[in-house]
Amino acid sequence: MHYLAVFRARTQTIIFANLLKSYGAPVSVVNTPRRLNVSCGISAKFPAVFKPQAEQVLARRNFDTFAGFFPEI
């Protein structure tokens, strides 16, 4: 299972992806599914086992455009 970290700003999506990669997570920047209808068009996709690290990244930085984590379907 994978999660999408969805942001409303492309820049914050890329910054988040790079920070999560520094934790060793295999992150990719992907198109956000239209059904979510809440973003800038791209999201960070990562394996569910790295969700605790993703939450740490969010807690340490001010990502004011973060819209949420969504399980990839």
PDB file of N, CA and C in Angstrom:
ATOM      1  N   MET A   1       0.833  -1.175   0.000  1.00  0.00           N
ATOM      2  CA  MET A   1       0.000   0.000   0.000  1.00  0.00           C
ATOM      3  C   MET A   1       0.885   1.249   0.000  1.00  0.00           C
ATOM      4  N   HIS A   2       0.415   2.275  -0.692  1.00  0.00           N
ATOM      5  CA  HIS A   2       1.117   3.553  -0.767  1.00  0.00           C
ATOM      6  C   HIS A   2       0.187   4.678  -0.316  1.00  0.00           C
ATOM      7  N   TYR A   3       0.808   5.774   0.100  1.00  0.00           N
ATOM      8  CA  TYR A   3       0.073   6.988   0.442  1.00  0.00           C
ATOM      9  C   TYR A   3       0.472   8.103  -0.508  1.00  0.00           C
ATOM     10  N   LEU A   4      -0.453   9.020  -0.705  1.00  0.00           N
ATOM     11  CA  LEU A   4      -0.166  10.257  -1.397  1.00  0.00           C
ATOM     12  C   LEU A   4      -0.197  11.377  -0.368  1.00  0.00           C
ATOM     13  N   ALA A   5       0.847  12.163  -0.335  1.00  0.00           N
ATOM     14  CA  ALA A   5       0.862  13.379   0.476  1.00  0.00           C
ATOM     15  C   ALA A   5       0.475  14.503  -0.472  1.00  0.00           C
ATOM     16  N   VAL A   6      -0.653  15.115  -0.190  1.00  0.00           N
ATOM     17  CA  VAL A   6      -1.220  16.103  -1.102  1.00  0.00           C
ATOM     18  C   VAL A   6      -1.040  17.505  -0.526  1.00  0.00           C
ATOM     19  N   PHE A   7      -0.562  18.396  -1.373  1.00  0.00           N
ATOM     20  CA  PHE A   7      -0.335  19.797  -1.010  1.00  0.00           C
ATOM     21  C   PHE A   7      -1.033  20.690  -2.020  1.00  0.00           C
ATOM     22  N   ARG A   8      -1.256  21.926  -1.630  1.00  0.00           N
ATOM     23  CA  ARG A   8      -1.878  22.887  -2.534  1.00  0.00           C
ATOM     24  C   ARG A   8      -0.838  23.739  -3.265  1.00  0.00           C
ATOM     25  N   ALA A   9       0.445  23.465  -3.023  1.00  0.00           N
ATOM     26  CA  ALA A   9       1.524  24.201  -3.694  1.00  0.00           C
ATOM     27  C   ALA A   9       2.571  23.212  -4.195  1.00  0.00           C
ATOM     28  N   ARG A  10       2.934  23.356  -5.451  1.00  0.00           N
ATOM     29  CA  ARG A  10       3.909  22.452  -6.063  1.00  0.00           C
ATOM     30  C   ARG A  10       5.251  22.493  -5.336  1.00  0.00           C
ATOM     31  N   THR A  11       5.676  23.676  -4.969  1.00  0.00           N
ATOM     32  CA  THR A  11       6.967  23.830  -4.297  1.00  0.00           C
ATOM     33  C   THR A  11       7.011  23.026  -3.005  1.00  0.00           C
ATOM     34  N   GLN A  12       5.954  23.091  -2.214  1.00  0.00           N
ATOM     35  CA  GLN A  12       5.937  22.352  -0.956  1.00  0.00           C
ATOM     36  C   GLN A  12       5.888  20.846  -1.195  1.00  0.00           C
ATOM     37  N   THR A  13       5.245  20.415  -2.262  1.00  0.00           N
ATOM     38  CA  THR A  13       5.236  18.985  -2.602  1.00  0.00           C
ATOM     39  C   THR A  13       6.659  18.500  -2.848  1.00  0.00           C
ATOM     40  N   ILE A  14       7.409  19.252  -3.611  1.00  0.00           N
ATOM     41  CA  ILE A  14       8.778  18.857  -3.961  1.00  0.00           C
ATOM     42  C   ILE A  14       9.691  18.917  -2.728  1.00  0.00           C
ATOM     43  N   ILE A  15       9.548  19.945  -1.921  1.00  0.00           N
ATOM     44  CA  ILE A  15      10.356  20.043  -0.701  1.00  0.00           C
ATOM     45  C   ILE A  15      10.062  18.865   0.216  1.00  0.00           C
ATOM     46  N   PHE A  16       8.781  18.550   0.411  1.00  0.00           N
ATOM     47  CA  PHE A  16       8.392  17.418   1.250  1.00  0.00           C
ATOM     48  C   PHE A  16       8.991  16.122   0.708  1.00  0.00           C
ATOM     49  N   ALA A  17       8.877  15.896  -0.596  1.00  0.00           N
ATOM     50  CA  ALA A  17       9.407  14.670  -1.202  1.00  0.00           C
ATOM     51  C   ALA A  17      10.906  14.548  -0.958  1.00  0.00           C
ATOM     52  N   ASN A  18      11.634  15.625  -1.125  1.00  0.00           N
ATOM     53  CA  ASN A  18      13.084  15.587  -0.908  1.00  0.00           C
ATOM     54  C   ASN A  18      13.432  15.324   0.553  1.00  0.00           C
ATOM     55  N   LEU A  19      12.696  15.929   1.468  1.00  0.00           N
ATOM     56  CA  LEU A  19      12.955  15.680   2.890  1.00  0.00           C
ATOM     57  C   LEU A  19      12.649  14.230   3.263  1.00  0.00           C
ATOM     58  N   LEU A  20      11.556  13.699   2.750  1.00  0.00           N
ATOM     59  CA  LEU A  20      11.209  12.309   3.048  1.00  0.00           C
ATOM     60  C   LEU A  20      12.239  11.352   2.446  1.00  0.00           C
ATOM     61  N   LYS A  21      12.779  11.696   1.296  1.00  0.00           N
ATOM     62  CA  LYS A  21      13.851  10.880   0.701  1.00  0.00           C
ATOM     63  C   LYS A  21      15.073  10.825   1.613  1.00  0.00           C
ATOM     64  N   SER A  22      15.322  11.909   2.345  1.00  0.00           N
ATOM     65  CA  SER A  22      16.482  11.927   3.235  1.00  0.00           C
ATOM     66  C   SER A  22      16.329  10.926   4.378  1.00  0.00           C
ATOM     67  N   TYR A  23      15.113  10.445   4.620  1.00  0.00           N
ATOM     68  CA  TYR A  23      14.851   9.394   5.608  1.00  0.00           C
ATOM     69  C   TYR A  23      14.995   7.999   4.982  1.00  0.00           C
ATOM     70  N   GLY A  24      15.336   7.953   3.707  1.00  0.00           N
ATOM     71  CA  GLY A  24      15.503   6.682   3.024  1.00  0.00           C
ATOM     72  C   GLY A  24      14.246   6.161   2.359  1.00  0.00           C
ATOM     73  N   ALA A  25      13.211   6.964   2.315  1.00  0.00           N
ATOM     74  CA  ALA A  25      11.946   6.529   1.713  1.00  0.00           C
ATOM     75  C   ALA A  25      12.020   6.638   0.192  1.00  0.00           C
ATOM     76  N   PRO A  26      11.530   5.629  -0.501  1.00  0.00           N
ATOM     77  CA  PRO A  26      11.441   5.715  -1.958  1.00  0.00           C
ATOM     78  C   PRO A  26      10.210   6.557  -2.330  1.00  0.00           C
ATOM     79  N   VAL A  27      10.443   7.813  -2.591  1.00  0.00           N
ATOM     80  CA  VAL A  27       9.365   8.761  -2.870  1.00  0.00           C
ATOM     81  C   VAL A  27       9.365   9.111  -4.347  1.00  0.00           C
ATOM     82  N   SER A  28       8.186   9.251  -4.910  1.00  0.00           N
ATOM     83  CA  SER A  28       8.090   9.758  -6.270  1.00  0.00           C
ATOM     84  C   SER A  28       7.035  10.851  -6.311  1.00  0.00           C
ATOM     85  N   VAL A  29       7.249  11.795  -7.186  1.00  0.00           N
ATOM     86  CA  VAL A  29       6.279  12.869  -7.388  1.00  0.00           C
ATOM     87  C   VAL A  29       5.407  12.442  -8.563  1.00  0.00           C
ATOM     88  N   VAL A  30       4.103  12.389  -8.304  1.00  0.00           N
ATOM     89  CA  VAL A  30       3.151  11.870  -9.282  1.00  0.00           C
ATOM     90  C   VAL A  30       1.997  12.848  -9.463  1.00  0.00           C
ATOM     91  N   ASN A  31       1.247  12.647 -10.538  1.00  0.00           N
ATOM     92  CA  ASN A  31       0.039  13.438 -10.738  1.00  0.00           C
ATOM     93  C   ASN A  31      -0.998  13.064  -9.692  1.00  0.00           C
ATOM     94  N   THR A  32      -1.626  14.053  -9.122  1.00  0.00           N
ATOM     95  CA  THR A  32      -2.675  13.815  -8.133  1.00  0.00           C
ATOM     96  C   THR A  32      -3.943  13.377  -8.858  1.00  0.00           C
ATOM     97  N   PRO A  33      -4.573  12.301  -8.398  1.00  0.00           N
ATOM     98  CA  PRO A  33      -5.829  11.883  -9.028  1.00  0.00           C
ATOM     99  C   PRO A  33      -6.879  12.995  -8.955  1.00  0.00           C
ATOM    100  N   ARG A  34      -7.601  13.183 -10.014  1.00  0.00           N
ATOM    101  CA  ARG A  34      -8.611  14.241 -10.069  1.00  0.00           C
ATOM    102  C   ARG A  34      -9.691  14.056  -9.017  1.00  0.00           C
ATOM    103  N   ARG A  35      -9.947  12.823  -8.628  1.00  0.00           N
ATOM    104  CA  ARG A  35     -11.011  12.561  -7.649  1.00  0.00           C
ATOM    105  C   ARG A  35     -10.742  13.252  -6.316  1.00  0.00           C
ATOM    106  N   LEU A  36      -9.459  13.554  -6.019  1.00  0.00           N
ATOM    107  CA  LEU A  36      -9.136  14.229  -4.761  1.00  0.00           C
ATOM    108  C   LEU A  36      -9.486  15.713  -4.815  1.00  0.00           C
ATOM    109  N   ASN A  37      -9.329  16.325  -5.969  1.00  0.00           N
ATOM    110  CA  ASN A  37      -9.783  17.695  -6.204  1.00  0.00           C
ATOM    111  C   ASN A  37      -9.322  18.688  -5.130  1.00  0.00           C
ATOM    112  N   VAL A  38      -8.091  18.540  -4.635  1.00  0.00           N
ATOM    113  CA  VAL A  38      -7.628  19.425  -3.570  1.00  0.00           C
ATOM    114  C   VAL A  38      -6.188  19.896  -3.742  1.00  0.00           C
ATOM    115  N   SER A  39      -5.624  19.818  -4.929  1.00  0.00           N
ATOM    116  CA  SER A  39      -4.195  20.094  -4.955  1.00  0.00           C
ATOM    117  C   SER A  39      -3.753  20.901  -6.152  1.00  0.00           C
ATOM    118  N   CYS A  40      -2.447  21.053  -6.196  1.00  0.00           N
ATOM    119  CA  CYS A  40      -1.786  21.782  -7.263  1.00  0.00           C
ATOM    120  C   CYS A  40      -1.575  20.910  -8.497  1.00  0.00           C
ATOM    121  N   GLY A  41      -1.890  19.637  -8.396  1.00  0.00           N
ATOM    122  CA  GLY A  41      -1.725  18.740  -9.523  1.00  0.00           C
ATOM    123  C   GLY A  41      -0.690  17.652  -9.334  1.00  0.00           C
ATOM    124  N   ILE A  42       0.219  17.836  -8.360  1.00  0.00           N
ATOM    125  CA  ILE A  42       1.196  16.784  -8.085  1.00  0.00           C
ATOM    126  C   ILE A  42       1.190  16.453  -6.603  1.00  0.00           C
ATOM    127  N   SER A  43       1.550  15.213  -6.314  1.00  0.00           N
ATOM    128  CA  SER A  43       1.609  14.726  -4.935  1.00  0.00           C
ATOM    129  C   SER A  43       2.872  13.905  -4.753  1.00  0.00           C
ATOM    130  N   ALA A  44       3.220  13.677  -3.500  1.00  0.00           N
ATOM    131  CA  ALA A  44       4.353  12.807  -3.174  1.00  0.00           C
ATOM    132  C   ALA A  44       3.790  11.429  -2.825  1.00  0.00           C
ATOM    133  N   LYS A  45       4.250  10.413  -3.528  1.00  0.00           N
ATOM    134  CA  LYS A  45       3.799   9.034  -3.300  1.00  0.00           C
ATOM    135  C   LYS A  45       4.898   8.277  -2.577  1.00  0.00           C
ATOM    136  N   PHE A  46       4.503   7.549  -1.509  1.00  0.00           N
ATOM    137  CA  PHE A  46       5.487   6.799  -0.744  1.00  0.00           C
ATOM    138  C   PHE A  46       4.832   5.563  -0.125  1.00  0.00           C
ATOM    139  N   PRO A  47       5.626   4.521   0.178  1.00  0.00           N
ATOM    140  CA  PRO A  47       5.083   3.315   0.815  1.00  0.00           C
ATOM    141  C   PRO A  47       4.531   3.615   2.206  1.00  0.00           C
ATOM    142  N   ALA A  48       3.477   2.931   2.563  1.00  0.00           N
ATOM    143  CA  ALA A  48       2.794   3.153   3.847  1.00  0.00           C
ATOM    144  C   ALA A  48       3.715   2.968   5.044  1.00  0.00           C
ATOM    145  N   VAL A  49       4.716   2.120   4.940  1.00  0.00           N
ATOM    146  CA  VAL A  49       5.614   1.895   6.083  1.00  0.00           C
ATOM    147  C   VAL A  49       6.400   3.153   6.453  1.00  0.00           C
ATOM    148  N   PHE A  50       6.454   4.137   5.566  1.00  0.00           N
ATOM    149  CA  PHE A  50       7.178   5.373   5.827  1.00  0.00           C
ATOM    150  C   PHE A  50       6.260   6.498   6.315  1.00  0.00           C
ATOM    151  N   LYS A  51       5.007   6.181   6.644  1.00  0.00           N
ATOM    152  CA  LYS A  51       4.096   7.226   7.110  1.00  0.00           C
ATOM    153  C   LYS A  51       4.577   7.883   8.415  1.00  0.00           C
ATOM    154  N   PRO A  52       5.130   7.133   9.379  1.00  0.00           N
ATOM    155  CA  PRO A  52       5.650   7.815  10.579  1.00  0.00           C
ATOM    156  C   PRO A  52       6.736   8.850  10.250  1.00  0.00           C
ATOM    157  N   GLN A  53       7.604   8.530   9.324  1.00  0.00           N
ATOM    158  CA  GLN A  53       8.642   9.476   8.922  1.00  0.00           C
ATOM    159  C   GLN A  53       8.017  10.682   8.206  1.00  0.00           C
ATOM    160  N   ALA A  54       7.005  10.425   7.403  1.00  0.00           N
ATOM    161  CA  ALA A  54       6.315  11.517   6.708  1.00  0.00           C
ATOM    162  C   ALA A  54       5.673  12.461   7.719  1.00  0.00           C
ATOM    163  N   GLU A  55       5.087  11.906   8.763  1.00  0.00           N
ATOM    164  CA  GLU A  55       4.483  12.731   9.808  1.00  0.00           C
ATOM    165  C   GLU A  55       5.547  13.541  10.551  1.00  0.00           C
ATOM    166  N   GLN A  56       6.737  12.960  10.732  1.00  0.00           N
ATOM    167  CA  GLN A  56       7.838  13.687  11.368  1.00  0.00           C
ATOM    168  C   GLN A  56       8.265  14.876  10.503  1.00  0.00           C
ATOM    169  N   VAL A  57       8.357  14.652   9.199  1.00  0.00           N
ATOM    170  CA  VAL A  57       8.725  15.742   8.292  1.00  0.00           C
ATOM    171  C   VAL A  57       7.716  16.877   8.415  1.00  0.00           C
ATOM    172  N   LEU A  58       6.440  16.535   8.445  1.00  0.00           N
ATOM    173  CA  LEU A  58       5.402  17.566   8.569  1.00  0.00           C
ATOM    174  C   LEU A  58       5.487  18.299   9.898  1.00  0.00           C
ATOM    175  N   ALA A  59       5.795  17.582  10.962  1.00  0.00           N
ATOM    176  CA  ALA A  59       5.866  18.197  12.288  1.00  0.00           C
ATOM    177  C   ALA A  59       7.057  19.150  12.412  1.00  0.00           C
ATOM    178  N   ARG A  60       8.106  18.899  11.667  1.00  0.00           N
ATOM    179  CA  ARG A  60       9.322  19.708  11.778  1.00  0.00           C
ATOM    180  C   ARG A  60       9.323  20.933  10.881  1.00  0.00           C
ATOM    181  N   ARG A  61       8.445  20.961   9.914  1.00  0.00           N
ATOM    182  CA  ARG A  61       8.384  22.077   8.965  1.00  0.00           C
ATOM    183  C   ARG A  61       6.981  22.664   8.929  1.00  0.00           C
ATOM    184  N   ASN A  62       6.906  23.896   8.492  1.00  0.00           N
ATOM    185  CA  ASN A  62       5.606  24.545   8.365  1.00  0.00           C
ATOM    186  C   ASN A  62       5.101  24.397   6.934  1.00  0.00           C
ATOM    187  N   PHE A  63       4.399  23.316   6.670  1.00  0.00           N
ATOM    188  CA  PHE A  63       3.800  23.089   5.360  1.00  0.00           C
ATOM    189  C   PHE A  63       2.354  23.573   5.430  1.00  0.00           C
ATOM    190  N   ASP A  64       2.167  24.857   5.180  1.00  0.00           N
ATOM    191  CA  ASP A  64       0.838  25.441   5.331  1.00  0.00           C
ATOM    192  C   ASP A  64      -0.130  25.079   4.205  1.00  0.00           C
ATOM    193  N   THR A  65       0.365  24.421   3.157  1.00  0.00           N
ATOM    194  CA  THR A  65      -0.536  24.013   2.074  1.00  0.00           C
ATOM    195  C   THR A  65      -0.825  22.513   2.086  1.00  0.00           C
ATOM    196  N   PHE A  66      -0.436  21.829   3.163  1.00  0.00           N
ATOM    197  CA  PHE A  66      -0.673  20.381   3.249  1.00  0.00           C
ATOM    198  C   PHE A  66      -2.180  20.115   3.342  1.00  0.00           C
ATOM    199  N   ALA A  67      -2.674  19.245   2.468  1.00  0.00           N
ATOM    200  CA  ALA A  67      -4.107  18.931   2.417  1.00  0.00           C
ATOM    201  C   ALA A  67      -4.426  17.593   3.050  1.00  0.00           C
ATOM    202  N   GLY A  68      -3.417  16.724   3.218  1.00  0.00           N
ATOM    203  CA  GLY A  68      -3.664  15.452   3.871  1.00  0.00           C
ATOM    204  C   GLY A  68      -2.963  14.289   3.206  1.00  0.00           C
ATOM    205  N   PHE A  69      -3.028  13.145   3.902  1.00  0.00           N
ATOM    206  CA  PHE A  69      -2.536  11.874   3.375  1.00  0.00           C
ATOM    207  C   PHE A  69      -3.742  11.097   2.844  1.00  0.00           C
ATOM    208  N   PHE A  70      -3.580  10.524   1.685  1.00  0.00           N
ATOM    209  CA  PHE A  70      -4.652   9.749   1.082  1.00  0.00           C
ATOM    210  C   PHE A  70      -4.087   8.417   0.625  1.00  0.00           C
ATOM    211  N   PRO A  71      -4.745   7.322   0.973  1.00  0.00           N
ATOM    212  CA  PRO A  71      -4.271   6.015   0.482  1.00  0.00           C
ATOM    213  C   PRO A  71      -4.461   5.962  -1.031  1.00  0.00           C
ATOM    214  N   GLU A  72      -3.453   5.432  -1.707  1.00  0.00           N
ATOM    215  CA  GLU A  72      -3.561   5.302  -3.153  1.00  0.00           C
ATOM    216  C   GLU A  72      -4.461   4.131  -3.482  1.00  0.00           C
ATOM    217  N   ILE A  73      -5.410   4.364  -4.337  1.00  0.00           N
ATOM    218  CA  ILE A  73      -6.361   3.307  -4.737  1.00  0.00           C
ATOM    219  C   ILE A  73      -6.038   2.859  -6.148  1.00  0.00           C
TER     220      ILE A  73
END
